[in-house]
Protein backbone atom coordinates (compact mmCIF):
# COMPACT_ATOMS: atom_id res chain seq x y z
CA UNK A 1 0.00 0.00 0.00
CA UNK A 2 1.34 3.42 -0.95
CA UNK A 3 1.99 5.94 1.78
CA UNK A 4 1.76 8.96 -0.55
CA UNK A 5 -0.84 9.87 -3.12
CA UNK A 6 0.07 9.67 -6.74
CA UNK A 7 1.39 12.80 -8.43
CA UNK A 8 -1.77 13.15 -10.52
CA UNK A 9 -3.99 14.64 -7.83
CA UNK A 10 -3.61 17.48 -5.37
CA UNK A 11 -5.90 19.28 -2.95
CA UNK A 12 -4.44 22.73 -3.67
CA UNK A 13 -4.76 24.93 -6.72
CA UNK A 14 -8.18 26.51 -6.26
CA UNK A 15 -8.51 30.26 -5.96
CA UNK A 16 -11.06 32.78 -7.14
CA UNK A 17 -10.29 35.51 -9.63
CA UNK A 18 -9.92 39.01 -8.18
CA UNK A 19 -13.10 41.08 -8.48
CA UNK A 20 -11.39 44.41 -9.31
CA UNK A 21 -13.21 46.33 -6.58
CA UNK A 22 -12.36 49.84 -5.44
CA UNK A 23 -12.49 53.46 -6.51
CA UNK A 24 -12.32 53.90 -10.28
CA UNK A 25 -12.61 57.71 -10.43
CA UNK A 26 -11.12 59.95 -7.75
CA UNK A 27 -12.11 63.36 -6.36
CA UNK A 28 -11.68 66.21 -8.82
CA UNK A 29 -11.83 63.95 -11.88
CA UNK A 30 -14.30 64.66 -14.66
CA UNK A 31 -16.87 61.96 -15.40
CA UNK A 32 -19.45 61.36 -18.09
CA UNK A 33 -22.94 59.92 -17.72
CA UNK A 34 -22.76 56.20 -16.94
CA UNK A 35 -19.13 56.16 -15.80
CA UNK A 36 -18.46 53.80 -12.91
CA UNK A 37 -17.09 55.65 -9.88
CA UNK A 38 -16.79 52.88 -7.27
CA UNK A 39 -17.18 49.11 -7.30
CA UNK A 40 -17.85 47.83 -3.79
CA UNK A 41 -19.37 45.07 -1.70
CA UNK A 42 -21.96 46.71 0.53
CA UNK A 43 -22.58 50.44 0.65
CA UNK A 44 -19.28 51.68 2.08
CA UNK A 45 -19.59 54.81 -0.10
CA UNK A 46 -23.03 56.40 -0.30
CA UNK A 47 -24.54 58.01 -3.41
CA UNK A 48 -25.14 61.76 -3.36
CA UNK A 49 -26.09 64.32 -5.98
CA UNK A 50 -26.12 62.92 -9.55
CA UNK A 51 -24.88 59.49 -8.39
CA UNK A 52 -26.89 56.26 -8.37
CA UNK A 53 -26.41 52.95 -6.54
CA UNK A 54 -26.70 49.78 -8.67
CA UNK A 55 -28.01 46.47 -7.31
CA UNK A 56 -24.46 45.20 -6.80
CA UNK A 57 -23.64 48.43 -4.86
CA UNK A 58 -21.68 49.94 -7.75
CA UNK A 59 -21.87 53.75 -7.83
CA UNK A 60 -22.19 55.36 -11.25
CA UNK A 61 -22.65 58.85 -12.68
CA UNK A 62 -26.01 60.27 -13.73
CA UNK A 63 -24.55 63.53 -15.08
CA UNK A 64 -21.39 64.97 -16.58
CA UNK A 65 -19.27 66.84 -14.06
CA UNK A 66 -16.60 66.70 -11.38
CA UNK A 67 -16.50 64.20 -8.51
CA UNK A 68 -16.57 65.50 -4.94
CA UNK A 69 -16.11 63.26 -1.88
CA UNK A 70 -17.65 64.56 1.37
CA UNK A 71 -18.22 63.20 4.88
CA UNK A 72 -21.59 63.73 6.57
CA UNK A 73 -22.38 63.99 10.29
CA UNK A 74 -22.50 60.20 10.68
CA UNK A 75 -19.00 60.01 9.12
CA UNK A 76 -20.33 58.35 5.95
CA UNK A 77 -18.51 59.15 2.73
CA UNK A 78 -20.92 60.70 0.23
CA UNK A 79 -19.98 60.96 -3.45
CA UNK A 80 -21.48 63.87 -5.38
CA UNK A 81 -21.08 65.01 -8.97
CA UNK A 82 -21.00 68.76 -9.39
CA UNK A 83 -22.06 69.87 -12.85
CA UNK A 84 -20.77 73.45 -12.55
CA UNK A 85 -18.38 75.27 -10.22
CA UNK A 86 -21.16 77.31 -8.50
CA UNK A 87 -22.40 74.23 -6.63
CA UNK A 88 -19.06 73.70 -4.83
PDB file of N, CA and C in Angstrom:
ATOM      1  N   UNK A   1       0.842  -1.167   0.000  1.00  0.00           N
ATOM      2  CA  UNK A   1       0.000   0.000   0.000  1.00  0.00           C
ATOM      3  C   UNK A   1       0.895   1.239   0.000  1.00  0.00           C
ATOM      4  N   UNK A   2       0.539   2.199  -0.857  1.00  0.00           N
ATOM      5  CA  UNK A   2       1.344   3.419  -0.954  1.00  0.00           C
ATOM      6  C   UNK A   2       1.085   4.323   0.245  1.00  0.00           C
ATOM      7  N   UNK A   3       2.124   5.001   0.668  1.00  0.00           N
ATOM      8  CA  UNK A   3       1.990   5.944   1.778  1.00  0.00           C
ATOM      9  C   UNK A   3       1.797   7.370   1.308  1.00  0.00           C
ATOM     10  N   UNK A   4       1.973   7.625   0.020  1.00  0.00           N
ATOM     11  CA  UNK A   4       1.763   8.961  -0.546  1.00  0.00           C
ATOM     12  C   UNK A   4       0.840   8.830  -1.744  1.00  0.00           C
ATOM     13  N   UNK A   5       0.041   9.889  -1.964  1.00  0.00           N
ATOM     14  CA  UNK A   5      -0.841   9.872  -3.124  1.00  0.00           C
ATOM     15  C   UNK A   5      -0.038   9.998  -4.398  1.00  0.00           C
ATOM     16  N   UNK A   6      -0.589   9.543  -5.452  1.00  0.00           N
ATOM     17  CA  UNK A   6       0.069   9.669  -6.742  1.00  0.00           C
ATOM     18  C   UNK A   6       0.214  11.121  -7.141  1.00  0.00           C
ATOM     19  N   UNK A   7       1.117  11.412  -8.050  1.00  0.00           N
ATOM     20  CA  UNK A   7       1.392  12.803  -8.427  1.00  0.00           C
ATOM     21  C   UNK A   7       0.278  13.417  -9.274  1.00  0.00           C
ATOM     22  N   UNK A   8      -0.716  12.640  -9.653  1.00  0.00           N
ATOM     23  CA  UNK A   8      -1.772  13.148 -10.520  1.00  0.00           C
ATOM     24  C   UNK A   8      -2.826  13.962  -9.808  1.00  0.00           C
ATOM     25  N   UNK A   9      -2.930  13.888  -8.505  1.00  0.00           N
ATOM     26  CA  UNK A   9      -3.991  14.635  -7.830  1.00  0.00           C
ATOM     27  C   UNK A   9      -3.400  15.471  -6.708  1.00  0.00           C
ATOM     28  N   UNK A  10      -4.039  16.596  -6.451  1.00  0.00           N
ATOM     29  CA  UNK A  10      -3.607  17.480  -5.369  1.00  0.00           C
ATOM     30  C   UNK A  10      -4.832  18.176  -4.812  1.00  0.00           C
ATOM     31  N   UNK A  11      -4.764  18.591  -3.577  1.00  0.00           N
ATOM     32  CA  UNK A  11      -5.895  19.280  -2.950  1.00  0.00           C
ATOM     33  C   UNK A  11      -5.766  20.797  -3.048  1.00  0.00           C
ATOM     34  N   UNK A  12      -4.639  21.286  -3.539  1.00  0.00           N
ATOM     35  CA  UNK A  12      -4.436  22.730  -3.674  1.00  0.00           C
ATOM     36  C   UNK A  12      -4.831  23.196  -5.073  1.00  0.00           C
ATOM     37  N   UNK A  13      -4.592  24.440  -5.363  1.00  0.00           N
ATOM     38  CA  UNK A  13      -4.761  24.932  -6.724  1.00  0.00           C
ATOM     39  C   UNK A  13      -6.080  25.607  -7.016  1.00  0.00           C
ATOM     40  N   UNK A  14      -6.919  25.829  -6.023  1.00  0.00           N
ATOM     41  CA  UNK A  14      -8.176  26.512  -6.259  1.00  0.00           C
ATOM     42  C   UNK A  14      -8.108  27.913  -5.656  1.00  0.00           C
ATOM     43  N   UNK A  15      -8.441  28.890  -6.447  1.00  0.00           N
ATOM     44  CA  UNK A  15      -8.505  30.263  -5.961  1.00  0.00           C
ATOM     45  C   UNK A  15      -9.434  31.039  -6.883  1.00  0.00           C
ATOM     46  N   UNK A  16     -10.143  32.003  -6.326  1.00  0.00           N
ATOM     47  CA  UNK A  16     -11.064  32.781  -7.138  1.00  0.00           C
ATOM     48  C   UNK A  16     -10.315  33.920  -7.823  1.00  0.00           C
ATOM     49  N   UNK A  17     -10.862  34.369  -8.924  1.00  0.00           N
ATOM     50  CA  UNK A  17     -10.293  35.510  -9.628  1.00  0.00           C
ATOM     51  C   UNK A  17     -10.586  36.772  -8.827  1.00  0.00           C
ATOM     52  N   UNK A  18      -9.686  37.758  -8.889  1.00  0.00           N
ATOM     53  CA  UNK A  18      -9.923  39.008  -8.179  1.00  0.00           C
ATOM     54  C   UNK A  18     -11.099  39.734  -8.812  1.00  0.00           C
ATOM     55  N   UNK A  19     -11.864  40.459  -8.009  1.00  0.00           N
ATOM     56  CA  UNK A  19     -13.100  41.075  -8.479  1.00  0.00           C
ATOM     57  C   UNK A  19     -12.923  42.519  -8.929  1.00  0.00           C
ATOM     58  N   UNK A  20     -11.723  43.046  -8.841  1.00  0.00           N
ATOM     59  CA  UNK A  20     -11.389  44.412  -9.307  1.00  0.00           C
ATOM     60  C   UNK A  20     -12.285  45.458  -8.656  1.00  0.00           C
ATOM     61  N   UNK A  21     -12.406  45.372  -7.328  1.00  0.00           N
ATOM     62  CA  UNK A  21     -13.210  46.335  -6.580  1.00  0.00           C
ATOM     63  C   UNK A  21     -12.378  47.574  -6.289  1.00  0.00           C
ATOM     64  N   UNK A  22     -13.065  48.633  -5.884  1.00  0.00           N
ATOM     65  CA  UNK A  22     -12.365  49.836  -5.444  1.00  0.00           C
ATOM     66  C   UNK A  22     -12.838  51.069  -6.184  1.00  0.00           C
ATOM     67  N   UNK A  23     -12.154  52.174  -5.900  1.00  0.00           N
ATOM     68  CA  UNK A  23     -12.493  53.456  -6.505  1.00  0.00           C
ATOM     69  C   UNK A  23     -11.912  53.496  -7.912  1.00  0.00           C
ATOM     70  N   UNK A  24     -12.748  53.815  -8.879  1.00  0.00           N
ATOM     71  CA  UNK A  24     -12.322  53.896 -10.277  1.00  0.00           C
ATOM     72  C   UNK A  24     -12.077  55.335 -10.714  1.00  0.00           C
ATOM     73  N   UNK A  25     -12.796  56.281 -10.133  1.00  0.00           N
ATOM     74  CA  UNK A  25     -12.614  57.705 -10.432  1.00  0.00           C
ATOM     75  C   UNK A  25     -12.451  58.431  -9.102  1.00  0.00           C
ATOM     76  N   UNK A  26     -11.444  59.287  -9.016  1.00  0.00           N
ATOM     77  CA  UNK A  26     -11.120  59.953  -7.752  1.00  0.00           C
ATOM     78  C   UNK A  26     -11.673  61.371  -7.723  1.00  0.00           C
ATOM     79  N   UNK A  27     -11.613  62.004  -6.553  1.00  0.00           N
ATOM     80  CA  UNK A  27     -12.111  63.358  -6.363  1.00  0.00           C
ATOM     81  C   UNK A  27     -11.426  64.342  -7.291  1.00  0.00           C
ATOM     82  N   UNK A  28     -12.216  65.219  -7.897  1.00  0.00           N
ATOM     83  CA  UNK A  28     -11.680  66.206  -8.820  1.00  0.00           C
ATOM     84  C   UNK A  28     -11.651  65.740 -10.263  1.00  0.00           C
ATOM     85  N   UNK A  29     -11.828  64.464 -10.509  1.00  0.00           N
ATOM     86  CA  UNK A  29     -11.830  63.952 -11.883  1.00  0.00           C
ATOM     87  C   UNK A  29     -13.156  64.264 -12.558  1.00  0.00           C
ATOM     88  N   UNK A  30     -13.098  64.450 -13.869  1.00  0.00           N
ATOM     89  CA  UNK A  30     -14.305  64.664 -14.660  1.00  0.00           C
ATOM     90  C   UNK A  30     -14.876  63.320 -15.086  1.00  0.00           C
ATOM     91  N   UNK A  31     -16.194  63.194 -15.004  1.00  0.00           N
ATOM     92  CA  UNK A  31     -16.869  61.955 -15.403  1.00  0.00           C
ATOM     93  C   UNK A  31     -17.977  62.273 -16.388  1.00  0.00           C
ATOM     94  N   UNK A  32     -18.329  61.278 -17.164  1.00  0.00           N
ATOM     95  CA  UNK A  32     -19.449  61.360 -18.093  1.00  0.00           C
ATOM     96  C   UNK A  32     -20.595  60.508 -17.565  1.00  0.00           C
ATOM     97  N   UNK A  33     -21.764  60.683 -18.134  1.00  0.00           N
ATOM     98  CA  UNK A  33     -22.936  59.916 -17.725  1.00  0.00           C
ATOM     99  C   UNK A  33     -22.651  58.427 -17.909  1.00  0.00           C
ATOM    100  N   UNK A  34     -22.929  57.637 -16.871  1.00  0.00           N
ATOM    101  CA  UNK A  34     -22.758  56.196 -16.940  1.00  0.00           C
ATOM    102  C   UNK A  34     -21.400  55.700 -16.487  1.00  0.00           C
ATOM    103  N   UNK A  35     -20.445  56.603 -16.265  1.00  0.00           N
ATOM    104  CA  UNK A  35     -19.129  56.163 -15.799  1.00  0.00           C
ATOM    105  C   UNK A  35     -19.226  55.540 -14.417  1.00  0.00           C
ATOM    106  N   UNK A  36     -18.507  54.444 -14.211  1.00  0.00           N
ATOM    107  CA  UNK A  36     -18.459  53.803 -12.905  1.00  0.00           C
ATOM    108  C   UNK A  36     -17.488  54.561 -12.022  1.00  0.00           C
ATOM    109  N   UNK A  37     -17.933  54.903 -10.817  1.00  0.00           N
ATOM    110  CA  UNK A  37     -17.094  55.653  -9.880  1.00  0.00           C
ATOM    111  C   UNK A  37     -16.471  54.706  -8.866  1.00  0.00           C
ATOM    112  N   UNK A  38     -17.283  53.820  -8.279  1.00  0.00           N
ATOM    113  CA  UNK A  38     -16.791  52.884  -7.266  1.00  0.00           C
ATOM    114  C   UNK A  38     -17.446  51.530  -7.480  1.00  0.00           C
ATOM    115  N   UNK A  39     -16.649  50.470  -7.387  1.00  0.00           N
ATOM    116  CA  UNK A  39     -17.180  49.112  -7.300  1.00  0.00           C
ATOM    117  C   UNK A  39     -16.925  48.644  -5.882  1.00  0.00           C
ATOM    118  N   UNK A  40     -17.968  48.158  -5.203  1.00  0.00           N
ATOM    119  CA  UNK A  40     -17.846  47.830  -3.787  1.00  0.00           C
ATOM    120  C   UNK A  40     -18.770  46.688  -3.421  1.00  0.00           C
ATOM    121  N   UNK A  41     -18.493  46.074  -2.292  1.00  0.00           N
ATOM    122  CA  UNK A  41     -19.371  45.069  -1.697  1.00  0.00           C
ATOM    123  C   UNK A  41     -20.007  45.716  -0.476  1.00  0.00           C
ATOM    124  N   UNK A  42     -21.303  45.950  -0.529  1.00  0.00           N
ATOM    125  CA  UNK A  42     -21.960  46.707   0.528  1.00  0.00           C
ATOM    126  C   UNK A  42     -21.813  48.186   0.243  1.00  0.00           C
ATOM    127  N   UNK A  43     -22.579  49.002   0.947  1.00  0.00           N
ATOM    128  CA  UNK A  43     -22.584  50.439   0.653  1.00  0.00           C
ATOM    129  C   UNK A  43     -21.603  51.181   1.556  1.00  0.00           C
ATOM    130  N   UNK A  44     -20.312  50.961   1.336  1.00  0.00           N
ATOM    131  CA  UNK A  44     -19.279  51.679   2.077  1.00  0.00           C
ATOM    132  C   UNK A  44     -19.294  53.159   1.695  1.00  0.00           C
ATOM    133  N   UNK A  45     -19.428  53.440   0.398  1.00  0.00           N
ATOM    134  CA  UNK A  45     -19.589  54.805  -0.097  1.00  0.00           C
ATOM    135  C   UNK A  45     -21.049  54.988  -0.447  1.00  0.00           C
ATOM    136  N   UNK A  46     -21.612  56.136  -0.078  1.00  0.00           N
ATOM    137  CA  UNK A  46     -23.033  56.402  -0.301  1.00  0.00           C
ATOM    138  C   UNK A  46     -23.211  57.321  -1.506  1.00  0.00           C
ATOM    139  N   UNK A  47     -24.295  57.132  -2.270  1.00  0.00           N
ATOM    140  CA  UNK A  47     -24.538  58.014  -3.413  1.00  0.00           C
ATOM    141  C   UNK A  47     -25.094  59.357  -2.967  1.00  0.00           C
ATOM    142  N   UNK A  48     -24.653  60.406  -3.639  1.00  0.00           N
ATOM    143  CA  UNK A  48     -25.137  61.758  -3.363  1.00  0.00           C
ATOM    144  C   UNK A  48     -25.781  62.327  -4.610  1.00  0.00           C
ATOM    145  N   UNK A  49     -25.517  63.595  -4.849  1.00  0.00           N
ATOM    146  CA  UNK A  49     -26.093  64.316  -5.975  1.00  0.00           C
ATOM    147  C   UNK A  49     -25.553  63.763  -7.294  1.00  0.00           C
ATOM    148  N   UNK A  50     -26.448  63.418  -8.208  1.00  0.00           N
ATOM    149  CA  UNK A  50     -26.120  62.923  -9.546  1.00  0.00           C
ATOM    150  C   UNK A  50     -25.366  61.597  -9.545  1.00  0.00           C
ATOM    151  N   UNK A  51     -25.517  60.806  -8.486  1.00  0.00           N
ATOM    152  CA  UNK A  51     -24.882  59.486  -8.395  1.00  0.00           C
ATOM    153  C   UNK A  51     -25.959  58.476  -8.029  1.00  0.00           C
ATOM    154  N   UNK A  52     -25.896  57.293  -8.639  1.00  0.00           N
ATOM    155  CA  UNK A  52     -26.891  56.260  -8.366  1.00  0.00           C
ATOM    156  C   UNK A  52     -26.193  54.984  -7.915  1.00  0.00           C
ATOM    157  N   UNK A  53     -26.902  54.203  -7.077  1.00  0.00           N
ATOM    158  CA  UNK A  53     -26.405  52.945  -6.543  1.00  0.00           C
ATOM    159  C   UNK A  53     -27.037  51.795  -7.331  1.00  0.00           C
ATOM    160  N   UNK A  54     -26.210  50.936  -7.926  1.00  0.00           N
ATOM    161  CA  UNK A  54     -26.704  49.782  -8.671  1.00  0.00           C
ATOM    162  C   UNK A  54     -27.007  48.644  -7.704  1.00  0.00           C
ATOM    163  N   UNK A  55     -27.614  47.567  -8.201  1.00  0.00           N
ATOM    164  CA  UNK A  55     -28.015  46.473  -7.313  1.00  0.00           C
ATOM    165  C   UNK A  55     -26.830  45.711  -6.740  1.00  0.00           C
ATOM    166  N   UNK A  56     -25.660  45.805  -7.370  1.00  0.00           N
ATOM    167  CA  UNK A  56     -24.455  45.195  -6.801  1.00  0.00           C
ATOM    168  C   UNK A  56     -23.617  46.220  -6.040  1.00  0.00           C
ATOM    169  N   UNK A  57     -24.228  47.342  -5.651  1.00  0.00           N
ATOM    170  CA  UNK A  57     -23.638  48.427  -4.861  1.00  0.00           C
ATOM    171  C   UNK A  57     -22.601  49.247  -5.625  1.00  0.00           C
ATOM    172  N   UNK A  58     -22.557  49.103  -6.938  1.00  0.00           N
ATOM    173  CA  UNK A  58     -21.683  49.944  -7.751  1.00  0.00           C
ATOM    174  C   UNK A  58     -22.273  51.342  -7.813  1.00  0.00           C
ATOM    175  N   UNK A  59     -21.430  52.367  -7.676  1.00  0.00           N
ATOM    176  CA  UNK A  59     -21.873  53.748  -7.828  1.00  0.00           C
ATOM    177  C   UNK A  59     -21.499  54.230  -9.216  1.00  0.00           C
ATOM    178  N   UNK A  60     -22.458  54.873  -9.907  1.00  0.00           N
ATOM    179  CA  UNK A  60     -22.186  55.364 -11.248  1.00  0.00           C
ATOM    180  C   UNK A  60     -22.787  56.750 -11.434  1.00  0.00           C
ATOM    181  N   UNK A  61     -22.295  57.452 -12.442  1.00  0.00           N
ATOM    182  CA  UNK A  61     -22.649  58.853 -12.680  1.00  0.00           C
ATOM    183  C   UNK A  61     -23.949  58.986 -13.446  1.00  0.00           C
ATOM    184  N   UNK A  62     -24.772  59.949 -13.024  1.00  0.00           N
ATOM    185  CA  UNK A  62     -26.006  60.271 -13.728  1.00  0.00           C
ATOM    186  C   UNK A  62     -25.891  61.573 -14.518  1.00  0.00           C
ATOM    187  N   UNK A  63     -24.741  62.263 -14.386  1.00  0.00           N
ATOM    188  CA  UNK A  63     -24.545  63.534 -15.076  1.00  0.00           C
ATOM    189  C   UNK A  63     -23.067  63.719 -15.367  1.00  0.00           C
ATOM    190  N   UNK A  64     -22.775  64.602 -16.312  1.00  0.00           N
ATOM    191  CA  UNK A  64     -21.395  64.975 -16.585  1.00  0.00           C
ATOM    192  C   UNK A  64     -20.959  65.996 -15.542  1.00  0.00           C
ATOM    193  N   UNK A  65     -19.744  65.868 -15.041  1.00  0.00           N
ATOM    194  CA  UNK A  65     -19.267  66.836 -14.059  1.00  0.00           C
ATOM    195  C   UNK A  65     -18.040  66.348 -13.327  1.00  0.00           C
ATOM    196  N   UNK A  66     -17.784  66.990 -12.181  1.00  0.00           N
ATOM    197  CA  UNK A  66     -16.605  66.700 -11.379  1.00  0.00           C
ATOM    198  C   UNK A  66     -17.008  65.969 -10.110  1.00  0.00           C
ATOM    199  N   UNK A  67     -16.205  64.994  -9.705  1.00  0.00           N
ATOM    200  CA  UNK A  67     -16.500  64.199  -8.515  1.00  0.00           C
ATOM    201  C   UNK A  67     -16.033  64.929  -7.266  1.00  0.00           C
ATOM    202  N   UNK A  68     -16.898  64.912  -6.238  1.00  0.00           N
ATOM    203  CA  UNK A  68     -16.566  65.502  -4.942  1.00  0.00           C
ATOM    204  C   UNK A  68     -16.905  64.484  -3.858  1.00  0.00           C
ATOM    205  N   UNK A  69     -15.907  64.150  -3.028  1.00  0.00           N
ATOM    206  CA  UNK A  69     -16.107  63.263  -1.884  1.00  0.00           C
ATOM    207  C   UNK A  69     -16.332  64.129  -0.654  1.00  0.00           C
ATOM    208  N   UNK A  70     -17.368  63.819   0.136  1.00  0.00           N
ATOM    209  CA  UNK A  70     -17.649  64.558   1.371  1.00  0.00           C
ATOM    210  C   UNK A  70     -18.033  63.585   2.468  1.00  0.00           C
ATOM    211  N   UNK A  71     -17.786  63.978   3.711  1.00  0.00           N
ATOM    212  CA  UNK A  71     -18.218  63.202   4.880  1.00  0.00           C
ATOM    213  C   UNK A  71     -19.437  63.904   5.476  1.00  0.00           C
ATOM    214  N   UNK A  72     -20.434  63.120   5.903  1.00  0.00           N
ATOM    215  CA  UNK A  72     -21.585  63.735   6.567  1.00  0.00           C
ATOM    216  C   UNK A  72     -21.430  63.611   8.082  1.00  0.00           C
ATOM    217  N   UNK A  73     -22.453  63.986   8.827  1.00  0.00           N
ATOM    218  CA  UNK A  73     -22.375  63.995  10.287  1.00  0.00           C
ATOM    219  C   UNK A  73     -22.169  62.602  10.873  1.00  0.00           C
ATOM    220  N   UNK A  74     -22.664  61.578  10.195  1.00  0.00           N
ATOM    221  CA  UNK A  74     -22.498  60.201  10.676  1.00  0.00           C
ATOM    222  C   UNK A  74     -21.184  59.596  10.195  1.00  0.00           C
ATOM    223  N   UNK A  75     -20.316  60.423   9.607  1.00  0.00           N
ATOM    224  CA  UNK A  75     -18.995  60.011   9.118  1.00  0.00           C
ATOM    225  C   UNK A  75     -19.088  59.052   7.932  1.00  0.00           C
ATOM    226  N   UNK A  76     -20.208  59.106   7.188  1.00  0.00           N
ATOM    227  CA  UNK A  76     -20.331  58.346   5.953  1.00  0.00           C
ATOM    228  C   UNK A  76     -19.710  59.152   4.820  1.00  0.00           C
ATOM    229  N   UNK A  77     -19.084  58.472   3.883  1.00  0.00           N
ATOM    230  CA  UNK A  77     -18.514  59.154   2.729  1.00  0.00           C
ATOM    231  C   UNK A  77     -19.569  59.222   1.632  1.00  0.00           C
ATOM    232  N   UNK A  78     -19.914  60.438   1.255  1.00  0.00           N
ATOM    233  CA  UNK A  78     -20.918  60.703   0.228  1.00  0.00           C
ATOM    234  C   UNK A  78     -20.181  61.129  -1.039  1.00  0.00           C
ATOM    235  N   UNK A  79     -20.587  60.578  -2.170  1.00  0.00           N
ATOM    236  CA  UNK A  79     -19.983  60.956  -3.445  1.00  0.00           C
ATOM    237  C   UNK A  79     -21.004  61.754  -4.239  1.00  0.00           C
ATOM    238  N   UNK A  80     -20.634  62.980  -4.595  1.00  0.00           N
ATOM    239  CA  UNK A  80     -21.475  63.871  -5.383  1.00  0.00           C
ATOM    240  C   UNK A  80     -20.800  64.147  -6.714  1.00  0.00           C
ATOM    241  N   UNK A  81     -21.609  64.511  -7.705  1.00  0.00           N
ATOM    242  CA  UNK A  81     -21.081  65.012  -8.972  1.00  0.00           C
ATOM    243  C   UNK A  81     -21.601  66.426  -9.144  1.00  0.00           C
ATOM    244  N   UNK A  82     -20.665  67.356  -9.225  1.00  0.00           N
ATOM    245  CA  UNK A  82     -20.998  68.764  -9.386  1.00  0.00           C
ATOM    246  C   UNK A  82     -20.908  69.089 -10.868  1.00  0.00           C
ATOM    247  N   UNK A  83     -22.021  69.608 -11.420  1.00  0.00           N
ATOM    248  CA  UNK A  83     -22.059  69.870 -12.854  1.00  0.00           C
ATOM    249  C   UNK A  83     -21.447  71.209 -13.210  1.00  0.00           C
ATOM    250  N   UNK A  84     -21.447  72.177 -12.289  1.00  0.00           N
ATOM    251  CA  UNK A  84     -20.772  73.450 -12.546  1.00  0.00           C
ATOM    252  C   UNK A  84     -20.109  73.915 -11.242  1.00  0.00           C
ATOM    253  N   UNK A  85     -19.202  74.852 -11.358  1.00  0.00           N
ATOM    254  CA  UNK A  85     -18.385  75.273 -10.217  1.00  0.00           C
ATOM    255  C   UNK A  85     -19.188  76.028  -9.152  1.00  0.00           C
ATOM    256  N   UNK A  86     -20.362  76.571  -9.476  1.00  0.00           N
ATOM    257  CA  UNK A  86     -21.159  77.315  -8.499  1.00  0.00           C
ATOM    258  C   UNK A  86     -21.643  76.427  -7.354  1.00  0.00           C
ATOM    259  N   UNK A  87     -21.863  75.148  -7.639  1.00  0.00           N
ATOM    260  CA  UNK A  87     -22.403  74.230  -6.627  1.00  0.00           C
ATOM    261  C   UNK A  87     -21.363  73.787  -5.598  1.00  0.00           C
ATOM    262  N   UNK A  88     -20.082  74.083  -5.809  1.00  0.00           N
ATOM    263  CA  UNK A  88     -19.062  73.700  -4.828  1.00  0.00           C
ATOM    264  C   UNK A  88     -19.262  74.500  -3.573  1.00  0.00           C
TER     265      UNK A  88
END
